[in-house]
Amino acid sequence: MGLVDRAKNILLTPGKEWAVIDAETTSIKDLYVGYAVILAAIRPIANIIGFGLIGAHVPFSGVTYRWPLDTALEYAVFAYVLSLGGAFVLALIIDALAPTFGGQKNQLQALKVAIYSSTASWLAGIFTIIPALAILGLVGLYSLYLLYSGLPVLMKSPKDKAMGYTVVTIICAIVLYFVLGIVATTVISVPRYM
């Protein structure tokens, strides 16, 4: 299945699409090269355009603030690598938690859940192309629902344990991304002022 069809189906009909994904045999390389590498690039590219070229208007000041282009590029590369690496670590978390919630350990299935449930978040990154619309990136929270609906199907967890599995996975993911954020702020020289 093509990237566009997969993204459309996972967003619009996740119940049906998770069943299709569950039955597919795919490789880690195919998951990354054919899907994650492309979608994870949306936000970093949009950030370069939005904050490095267009700039953010500072309300009531008439000033438009832009990141220096080298800073925008540095941020984009680092954010891109962290996004792809974060999906892999999230898959490890999903796999490790599976038995706790009555599921079956399966690293490939866990990676499918981590990558395909990130679709909404990755696509929502397009809104940063216009910094004033970046708040619309909140629609990426739909990825949480995708995670919730995918865990029981791919990890074979009972539906009655899906909510707990999702909540614990989200808590672990928040800690993961918090740590990644700390790492990012120590490495990237993004200006902290507007």
C-alpha atoms as a PDB file:
ATOM      1  CA  MET A   1       0.000   0.000   0.000  1.00  0.00           C
ATOM      2  CA  GLY A   2       1.242   3.473  -0.844  1.00  0.00           C
ATOM      3  CA  LEU A   3       2.183   6.109   1.672  1.00  0.00           C
ATOM      4  CA  VAL A   4      -0.712   8.446   0.888  1.00  0.00           C
ATOM      5  CA  ASP A   5      -3.306   5.670   1.028  1.00  0.00           C
ATOM      6  CA  ARG A   6      -1.879   4.323   4.285  1.00  0.00           C
ATOM      7  CA  ALA A   7      -1.833   7.759   5.923  1.00  0.00           C
ATOM      8  CA  LYS A   8      -5.367   8.524   4.742  1.00  0.00           C
ATOM      9  CA  ASN A   9      -6.699   5.164   5.907  1.00  0.00           C
ATOM     10  CA  ILE A  10      -5.019   5.234   9.315  1.00  0.00           C
ATOM     11  CA  LEU A  11      -6.433   8.713   9.944  1.00  0.00           C
ATOM     12  CA  LEU A  12      -9.951   8.175   8.605  1.00  0.00           C
ATOM     13  CA  THR A  13     -10.655   4.496   9.267  1.00  0.00           C
ATOM     14  CA  PRO A  14      -8.172   3.375  11.916  1.00  0.00           C
ATOM     15  CA  GLY A  15     -10.189   0.330  13.001  1.00  0.00           C
ATOM     16  CA  LYS A  16     -10.118  -1.191   9.538  1.00  0.00           C
ATOM     17  CA  GLU A  17      -6.566  -0.086   8.810  1.00  0.00           C
ATOM     18  CA  TRP A  18      -5.092  -1.590  11.983  1.00  0.00           C
ATOM     19  CA  ALA A  19      -6.522  -4.970  10.921  1.00  0.00           C
ATOM     20  CA  VAL A  20      -4.878  -4.580   7.496  1.00  0.00           C
ATOM     21  CA  ILE A  21      -1.572  -3.551   9.106  1.00  0.00           C
ATOM     22  CA  ASP A  22      -1.749  -6.508  11.491  1.00  0.00           C
ATOM     23  CA  ALA A  23      -1.952  -8.948   8.592  1.00  0.00           C
ATOM     24  CA  GLU A  24       0.904  -7.382   6.623  1.00  0.00           C
ATOM     25  CA  THR A  25       4.385  -8.774   6.586  1.00  0.00           C
ATOM     26  CA  THR A  26       6.819  -5.919   6.369  1.00  0.00           C
ATOM     27  CA  SER A  27      10.375  -5.190   7.365  1.00  0.00           C
ATOM     28  CA  ILE A  28      11.815  -2.544   9.648  1.00  0.00           C
ATOM     29  CA  LYS A  29      13.509  -1.052   6.600  1.00  0.00           C
ATOM     30  CA  ASP A  30      10.175  -0.789   4.737  1.00  0.00           C
ATOM     31  CA  LEU A  31       8.497   0.832   7.755  1.00  0.00           C
ATOM     32  CA  TYR A  32      11.213   3.442   8.003  1.00  0.00           C
ATOM     33  CA  VAL A  33      12.149   4.064   4.373  1.00  0.00           C
ATOM     34  CA  GLY A  34       8.665   3.829   2.915  1.00  0.00           C
ATOM     35  CA  TYR A  35       6.809   5.700   5.641  1.00  0.00           C
ATOM     36  CA  ALA A  36       8.526   7.147   8.718  1.00  0.00           C
ATOM     37  CA  VAL A  37      11.485   8.792   6.961  1.00  0.00           C
ATOM     38  CA  ILE A  38       9.113  10.729   4.732  1.00  0.00           C
ATOM     39  CA  LEU A  39       6.439  11.743   7.245  1.00  0.00           C
ATOM     40  CA  ALA A  40       8.883  12.576  10.041  1.00  0.00           C
ATOM     41  CA  ALA A  41      10.526  15.101   7.688  1.00  0.00           C
ATOM     42  CA  ILE A  42       7.379  17.247   7.425  1.00  0.00           C
ATOM     43  CA  ARG A  43       7.755  19.161  10.705  1.00  0.00           C
ATOM     44  CA  PRO A  44      11.511  19.841  10.393  1.00  0.00           C
ATOM     45  CA  ILE A  45      11.115  21.124   6.830  1.00  0.00           C
ATOM     46  CA  ALA A  46       8.110  23.226   7.844  1.00  0.00           C
ATOM     47  CA  ASN A  47      10.130  24.645  10.758  1.00  0.00           C
ATOM     48  CA  ILE A  48      12.945  25.693   8.431  1.00  0.00           C
ATOM     49  CA  ILE A  49      10.463  27.467   6.175  1.00  0.00           C
ATOM     50  CA  GLY A  50       8.285  28.876   8.962  1.00  0.00           C
ATOM     51  CA  PHE A  51      10.838  30.015  11.506  1.00  0.00           C
ATOM     52  CA  GLY A  52      13.934  30.353   9.329  1.00  0.00           C
ATOM     53  CA  LEU A  53      12.468  32.007   6.227  1.00  0.00           C
ATOM     54  CA  ILE A  54       8.973  33.381   6.951  1.00  0.00           C
ATOM     55  CA  GLY A  55       9.392  34.215  10.614  1.00  0.00           C
ATOM     56  CA  ALA A  56       7.032  34.712  13.503  1.00  0.00           C
ATOM     57  CA  HIS A  57       5.263  38.038  13.906  1.00  0.00           C
ATOM     58  CA  VAL A  58       5.539  39.434  17.421  1.00  0.00           C
ATOM     59  CA  PRO A  59       2.058  40.765  18.328  1.00  0.00           C
ATOM     60  CA  PHE A  60       1.637  44.515  18.821  1.00  0.00           C
ATOM     61  CA  SER A  61       5.247  45.256  17.911  1.00  0.00           C
ATOM     62  CA  GLY A  62       5.372  45.191  14.139  1.00  0.00           C
ATOM     63  CA  VAL A  63       8.454  42.984  14.418  1.00  0.00           C
ATOM     64  CA  THR A  64       8.952  39.697  12.621  1.00  0.00           C
ATOM     65  CA  TYR A  65      11.398  37.356  14.284  1.00  0.00           C
ATOM     66  CA  ARG A  66      13.331  34.742  12.300  1.00  0.00           C
ATOM     67  CA  TRP A  67      15.756  32.101  13.476  1.00  0.00           C
ATOM     68  CA  PRO A  68      19.130  32.344  11.815  1.00  0.00           C
ATOM     69  CA  LEU A  69      19.044  29.876   8.926  1.00  0.00           C
ATOM     70  CA  ASP A  70      21.899  27.800  10.321  1.00  0.00           C
ATOM     71  CA  THR A  71      20.015  27.472  13.620  1.00  0.00           C
ATOM     72  CA  ALA A  72      16.837  26.443  11.787  1.00  0.00           C
ATOM     73  CA  LEU A  73      18.769  23.803   9.839  1.00  0.00           C
ATOM     74  CA  GLU A  74      20.525  22.537  12.959  1.00  0.00           C
ATOM     75  CA  TYR A  75      17.204  22.289  14.772  1.00  0.00           C
ATOM     76  CA  ALA A  76      15.554  20.530  11.835  1.00  0.00           C
ATOM     77  CA  VAL A  77      18.240  17.877  11.491  1.00  0.00           C
ATOM     78  CA  PHE A  78      18.330  17.173  15.206  1.00  0.00           C
ATOM     79  CA  ALA A  79      14.524  17.095  15.519  1.00  0.00           C
ATOM     80  CA  TYR A  80      14.314  14.735  12.551  1.00  0.00           C
ATOM     81  CA  VAL A  81      16.813  12.287  14.003  1.00  0.00           C
ATOM     82  CA  LEU A  82      15.122  12.444  17.414  1.00  0.00           C
ATOM     83  CA  SER A  83      11.723  11.818  15.839  1.00  0.00           C
ATOM     84  CA  LEU A  84      12.893   8.689  14.043  1.00  0.00           C
ATOM     85  CA  GLY A  85      14.886   7.461  17.031  1.00  0.00           C
ATOM     86  CA  GLY A  86      11.999   8.278  19.353  1.00  0.00           C
ATOM     87  CA  ALA A  87       9.666   6.072  17.312  1.00  0.00           C
ATOM     88  CA  PHE A  88      12.112   3.190  17.664  1.00  0.00           C
ATOM     89  CA  VAL A  89      12.466   3.640  21.436  1.00  0.00           C
ATOM     90  CA  LEU A  90       8.674   3.978  21.744  1.00  0.00           C
ATOM     91  CA  ALA A  91       8.378   0.626  19.968  1.00  0.00           C
ATOM     92  CA  LEU A  92      10.738  -0.908  22.526  1.00  0.00           C
ATOM     93  CA  ILE A  93       8.535   0.482  25.313  1.00  0.00           C
ATOM     94  CA  ILE A  94       5.360  -0.838  23.663  1.00  0.00           C
ATOM     95  CA  ASP A  95       6.946  -4.256  23.251  1.00  0.00           C
ATOM     96  CA  ALA A  96       8.255  -4.372  26.828  1.00  0.00           C
ATOM     97  CA  LEU A  97       4.861  -3.406  28.275  1.00  0.00           C
ATOM     98  CA  ALA A  98       2.847  -5.906  26.214  1.00  0.00           C
ATOM     99  CA  PRO A  99       2.916  -8.847  28.678  1.00  0.00           C
ATOM    100  CA  THR A 100       1.953  -6.555  31.561  1.00  0.00           C
ATOM    101  CA  PHE A 101      -1.316  -5.813  29.772  1.00  0.00           C
ATOM    102  CA  GLY A 102      -2.041  -9.308  28.485  1.00  0.00           C
ATOM    103  CA  GLY A 103      -0.452  -8.692  25.098  1.00  0.00           C
ATOM    104  CA  GLN A 104       2.138 -10.579  23.111  1.00  0.00           C
ATOM    105  CA  LYS A 105       5.700  -9.361  22.739  1.00  0.00           C
ATOM    106  CA  ASN A 106       6.529  -8.710  19.101  1.00  0.00           C
ATOM    107  CA  GLN A 107       9.073  -6.046  18.218  1.00  0.00           C
ATOM    108  CA  LEU A 108       7.957  -5.657  14.613  1.00  0.00           C
ATOM    109  CA  GLN A 109       4.302  -5.237  15.574  1.00  0.00           C
ATOM    110  CA  ALA A 110       5.338  -2.743  18.267  1.00  0.00           C
ATOM    111  CA  LEU A 111       7.290  -0.766  15.672  1.00  0.00           C
ATOM    112  CA  LYS A 112       4.241  -0.745  13.392  1.00  0.00           C
ATOM    113  CA  VAL A 113       2.148   0.692  16.241  1.00  0.00           C
ATOM    114  CA  ALA A 114       4.775   3.315  17.092  1.00  0.00           C
ATOM    115  CA  ILE A 115       5.249   4.455  13.499  1.00  0.00           C
ATOM    116  CA  TYR A 116       1.691   4.340  12.200  1.00  0.00           C
ATOM    117  CA  SER A 117       0.207   5.903  15.334  1.00  0.00           C
ATOM    118  CA  SER A 118       2.626   8.820  14.857  1.00  0.00           C
ATOM    119  CA  THR A 119       0.998   9.685  11.524  1.00  0.00           C
ATOM    120  CA  ALA A 120      -1.276  12.438  12.861  1.00  0.00           C
ATOM    121  CA  SER A 121       1.524  14.036  14.841  1.00  0.00           C
ATOM    122  CA  TRP A 122       3.927  13.997  11.912  1.00  0.00           C
ATOM    123  CA  LEU A 123       1.342  15.389   9.485  1.00  0.00           C
ATOM    124  CA  ALA A 124       0.283  18.109  11.937  1.00  0.00           C
ATOM    125  CA  GLY A 125       3.833  19.446  11.712  1.00  0.00           C
ATOM    126  CA  ILE A 126       2.876  21.116   8.428  1.00  0.00           C
ATOM    127  CA  PHE A 127       1.186  23.890  10.421  1.00  0.00           C
ATOM    128  CA  THR A 128       4.566  25.228  11.584  1.00  0.00           C
ATOM    129  CA  ILE A 129       5.186  26.405   8.023  1.00  0.00           C
ATOM    130  CA  ILE A 130       3.217  29.484   9.109  1.00  0.00           C
ATOM    131  CA  PRO A 131       4.290  30.126  12.711  1.00  0.00           C
ATOM    132  CA  ALA A 132       0.989  31.818  13.596  1.00  0.00           C
ATOM    133  CA  LEU A 133      -0.787  28.542  12.772  1.00  0.00           C
ATOM    134  CA  ALA A 134       1.592  26.333  14.779  1.00  0.00           C
ATOM    135  CA  ILE A 135      -1.046  26.003  17.523  1.00  0.00           C
ATOM    136  CA  LEU A 136      -3.092  23.943  15.052  1.00  0.00           C
ATOM    137  CA  GLY A 137      -0.446  21.281  15.491  1.00  0.00           C
ATOM    138  CA  LEU A 138      -2.563  20.177  18.446  1.00  0.00           C
ATOM    139  CA  VAL A 139      -4.576  18.097  15.973  1.00  0.00           C
ATOM    140  CA  GLY A 140      -1.559  15.812  16.157  1.00  0.00           C
ATOM    141  CA  LEU A 141      -2.907  14.649  19.511  1.00  0.00           C
ATOM    142  CA  TYR A 142      -5.117  12.378  17.417  1.00  0.00           C
ATOM    143  CA  SER A 143      -2.033  10.136  17.425  1.00  0.00           C
ATOM    144  CA  LEU A 144      -2.963   9.235  21.011  1.00  0.00           C
ATOM    145  CA  TYR A 145      -6.245   7.781  19.791  1.00  0.00           C
ATOM    146  CA  LEU A 146      -4.412   5.947  17.016  1.00  0.00           C
ATOM    147  CA  LEU A 147      -2.117   4.431  19.636  1.00  0.00           C
ATOM    148  CA  TYR A 148      -5.109   3.416  21.762  1.00  0.00           C
ATOM    149  CA  SER A 149      -6.877   1.785  18.825  1.00  0.00           C
ATOM    150  CA  GLY A 150      -3.749   0.050  17.510  1.00  0.00           C
ATOM    151  CA  LEU A 151      -2.386  -1.536  20.672  1.00  0.00           C
ATOM    152  CA  PRO A 152      -5.094  -4.196  21.121  1.00  0.00           C
ATOM    153  CA  VAL A 153      -5.021  -5.165  17.454  1.00  0.00           C
ATOM    154  CA  LEU A 154      -1.280  -5.409  16.845  1.00  0.00           C
ATOM    155  CA  MET A 155      -0.050  -6.333  20.310  1.00  0.00           C
ATOM    156  CA  LYS A 156      -2.976  -8.709  21.007  1.00  0.00           C
ATOM    157  CA  SER A 157      -3.844  -7.007  24.264  1.00  0.00           C
ATOM    158  CA  PRO A 158      -7.402  -7.525  25.548  1.00  0.00           C
ATOM    159  CA  LYS A 159      -9.626  -4.547  24.755  1.00  0.00           C
ATOM    160  CA  ASP A 160     -10.448  -4.072  28.440  1.00  0.00           C
ATOM    161  CA  LYS A 161      -6.740  -3.466  29.116  1.00  0.00           C
ATOM    162  CA  ALA A 162      -6.188  -1.180  26.113  1.00  0.00           C
ATOM    163  CA  MET A 163      -6.819   2.026  28.069  1.00  0.00           C
ATOM    164  CA  GLY A 164      -4.317   1.136  30.784  1.00  0.00           C
ATOM    165  CA  TYR A 165      -1.781   0.000  28.187  1.00  0.00           C
ATOM    166  CA  THR A 166      -2.227   3.272  26.309  1.00  0.00           C
ATOM    167  CA  VAL A 167      -1.954   5.450  29.420  1.00  0.00           C
ATOM    168  CA  VAL A 168       1.214   3.740  30.652  1.00  0.00           C
ATOM    169  CA  THR A 169       2.705   3.883  27.160  1.00  0.00           C
ATOM    170  CA  ILE A 170       1.879   7.604  26.920  1.00  0.00           C
ATOM    171  CA  ILE A 171       3.437   8.287  30.331  1.00  0.00           C
ATOM    172  CA  CYS A 172       6.585   6.459  29.245  1.00  0.00           C
ATOM    173  CA  ALA A 173       6.541   8.368  25.935  1.00  0.00           C
ATOM    174  CA  ILE A 174       6.197  11.700  27.759  1.00  0.00           C
ATOM    175  CA  VAL A 175       9.200  10.844  29.905  1.00  0.00           C
ATOM    176  CA  LEU A 176      11.090   9.717  26.789  1.00  0.00           C
ATOM    177  CA  TYR A 177      10.349  12.911  24.858  1.00  0.00           C
ATOM    178  CA  PHE A 178      11.031  15.053  27.925  1.00  0.00           C
ATOM    179  CA  VAL A 179      14.491  13.487  28.172  1.00  0.00           C
ATOM    180  CA  LEU A 180      14.991  13.892  24.414  1.00  0.00           C
ATOM    181  CA  GLY A 181      13.940  17.538  24.771  1.00  0.00           C
ATOM    182  CA  ILE A 182      16.541  18.087  27.466  1.00  0.00           C
ATOM    183  CA  VAL A 183      19.162  16.496  25.249  1.00  0.00           C
ATOM    184  CA  ALA A 184      18.026  18.673  22.342  1.00  0.00           C
ATOM    185  CA  THR A 185      18.237  21.912  24.326  1.00  0.00           C
ATOM    186  CA  THR A 186      21.789  21.114  25.400  1.00  0.00           C
ATOM    187  CA  VAL A 187      22.868  20.433  21.817  1.00  0.00           C
ATOM    188  CA  ILE A 188      20.833  22.903  19.740  1.00  0.00           C
ATOM    189  CA  SER A 189      21.364  26.649  19.927  1.00  0.00           C
ATOM    190  CA  VAL A 190      17.741  27.673  19.332  1.00  0.00           C
ATOM    191  CA  PRO A 191      17.125  31.218  20.570  1.00  0.00           C
ATOM    192  CA  ARG A 192      14.789  31.336  23.567  1.00  0.00           C
ATOM    193  CA  TYR A 193      13.367  34.786  22.962  1.00  0.00           C
ATOM    194  CA  MET A 194      11.034  36.325  20.429  1.00  0.00           C
END
